[in-house]
Amino acid sequence: MSSRAGVVIFRMARYYSTDEVLEMVLDSECQDNSSSSSEDSGEETDNSVELEQLESSSHEETSDAESEGEMEEAASEWTAKNGKIVWSPTHMETLRYFPAATNVTPGLTHYAAARIRDPASSFALLFTDEIVQHTVAMTNLHGRRAVAGWRDMDCDELRAYVGLLILAGVYRSRHESSRSLWGDKCGRDIFRATMSHKRFHQIGGALRFDDKLSRPQRRQDKLAAFRKVWDLWTHRLELLFNPGRHICVDEQLVPFRGRCKFKQYIPTKPARYGLKIWAVCDVETSYAWRLQVYTDKAGDRAEVNQGMRVALELTEGLQGNVVTCDNFFTSFALAEELLKRKVALVGTIRKNKPELPPRLLQTRGKAVLSSPFAFTLTHTLVSYVPRRGKNVLLMSTKHRTPDVSGEGKRKPVIIQDYNRCKGGVDNLDKVVGTYSCRRKPNRWPVALFHNLLDVSLYNSYVLWTAIDPSWKQQKNYKRRLYVEEVGEALVNPHILKRGRLPRSSGAADIVTSGQSAAAALIPSSKGRRQCDFCDEKRRRVIGTCCKCGKSTCKDHIVFICKDCIN
C-alpha cells in the first residue's frame, strides 16, 4: 500500500469505525484490480482486432488479385489474336440491323421485257448479233489463212453450228463422237439436214474469236484470244436482269485439260482441272449476273487478300444486298468494307483468321449442339458444335442477336440462312451440266465459248419464264423443251437456204418440208400463177420449170442436181 493511501485511511479513521474502514479498503482494492484487469483485457482486444484487420486485408488483397487475374484471363479469351478487336459474349451493345433499300428493282429489266417474244428471242439477247458477226469475221479470216478449200460462212451458218451443239446437249450426246451423230444407223436426221459432217468438223476446227496476228500487241492480257467476245457477253448479263436481295459469290470450274497458262487444279470439283471463273448468282433463280475469269497471278508472288479483292469487284455497284460466300472470301475486313457500301455479309470463316477470339476456337469442354456467340457493334460470330471435337465458325453482319432454332439440331439462324443461300453458283453448275453443249475442245477459248452458250441458255430460260410463267406449266421438263426449241430455231434458217438435199431420206424430208412451209408463208403477189399440173387450178405459185417454163407447185417439183441435168 502506498503512503498516500495510508494517509487517506488515517483521515477516514477519525470519522468511521475500524471495520467500516477495512471494508472500504477491500472494495477499493477490488475495483483497482478489476480496472487493471479491464485495461489489460482492452489491450488484448485491441491487439486481436489489429490481427483480424491485417488478416482480412491480406485476404482481400489476395482475392482482388485473383479476381483481377480471372478478369484479365476472361478478357484475353474474348480479345482477337491480333489484339485489335475486343468481342463481347452478349449483344447488349450490338446495333440493330436495318437493311438498306436496293437501288434497282429485282428481276427482269424493262430493256429485256420489251424485246422478248419467244424462247429464241430471249436467247438472242445474250448470244447477240454483234457476237455472231465478230466470230464469223474472225473465223473466216483464219479459215482463209489456214484451211485449204475454205468456204466463207455467214451468220446463219454459225447459228446453225451453235444450234447443233445445243441439240447434241439436249440429246445427251456431248460425249458421243460427231461421226456417230451423222451416222445412218444411230444418228439423227436433224444433224444431216442442217449441214454435212465435214462442214461441221471444218467450222469447229477453224472457230476463232480474234486475229492471231494482232495478238502480240495484247500479250499482257492472258485472255486476249477471247477478250472481246467475253466483254460483249458479260455486259449483257447485267443489262437484262437485276439480282434480288440475296446473292451468292463462289467459283465455277470449266473443265479443260489442254494447254493453258491459267489452268487450275481444284480437287474438290468433279472435273478437277479447268478454267476458274468467279461468279455472282442470284440466290432465288441462280441467274449468273456477273462473271470474271481468273487468269492466275500477275507476277511471281501470290496475291494477298485475293478473296476480298474478288468479292469487292464482283459486288461493285450493289446496295442493300446480302452476300453469302464461303471461307475463302470471308474476313472481318471484307465485312467492314461491305458495310460501308450498305451490303451485309454471311459466310463461314477460317479458324486461322487473326480477328477471331480464342474463346470461340476452343472445342474441349463444349457441349454438342451448343452455339457460343461473340459480338461487336456490327459483327456477329458463332461457333456451332455439330459433334464432339468439331466446330463450325460463321460471321455475319446481318444477324445481331443469338437466335437458335429450337428444332432438330438446334442450329443457329445464321447457319440456316447460310445453308439456304450458299448454293446459288453450285445450282448453276448443276443445271448447266444437265443439257450442256460442251464437247471436248483442244483450245481453251472454245471451252469458254461452250460455257458461254450453256450459261446463256440457262439465263435466257430464266428471262423467258419471267415473261411467261405459264409456258409449258403442265410439263415437268420445261427447260429441256426450251433448250430444244432454241436449238431448232437456230438451225431452221440454214436448213431453208440449203440448195442440195442430203442423201438420207429422213433428212431430205426435213429439208423439203421446211422449205415448203417457208414458201407457203411468202405473201401473194401479182406475179403468181396457177400450177399447170394441178387439177383444181386453185393453187397459185411463182416457181417455174427451168426446161419447159410451166408453173409448178411444191407437189410437182423434182429436185435434180446439175450433173443429171447436163
Foldseek 3Di string as FASTA:
>chain_A
DDPVVVVVLVVVVVPDPPVVSVVVVVVVVVVVVVVVVVVVVVVVVVVVVVVVVVVVVVVVVVVVVVVVVVVVVVQQLQAFLVRPDGWDLALPQADADDFDDKPDDFWWDPVLLVQDDDLQRLLCLQVDPVQLVLQQVQLVVQCVVPPPPDDRDDSLLVLLLVLVLLVCLLVVNQAPDLCQCPDPPNHDLLVLLQDDSVVSVSSQVSGFRDHPVCCVVVVLDLCVRQVVSVVSNLVSLQVTGDADQEKEKDKDFQAADADGQQWAADPVDPNRIGWIKIFIARQVQLQTRGIDTDRADSDDDHDDLPLLVVVCVRCPPIASHEYEYEQSNDDPVSQVVVVVRSYKYKYWHDPPHRRGRNNLVDQPPDDALDWRWIDDRQKIWIWGHPDRPDTTIMMIRNDSHQAWDPDDSRHTVSVVVNVSRHCSNVVLVVQLSSSFSDHHDNDRSVSVVSVSSSSSLSNSVSVVCVSPVCVPVVDPPVSSVSSNVNSCVSSLVSLLVDDDARPDPVSNVVSLVSVLVVQVPDDDDPQWAFAPPDPVRPDTDNDADPPPGGHHHSVPDDDDDPVVVD
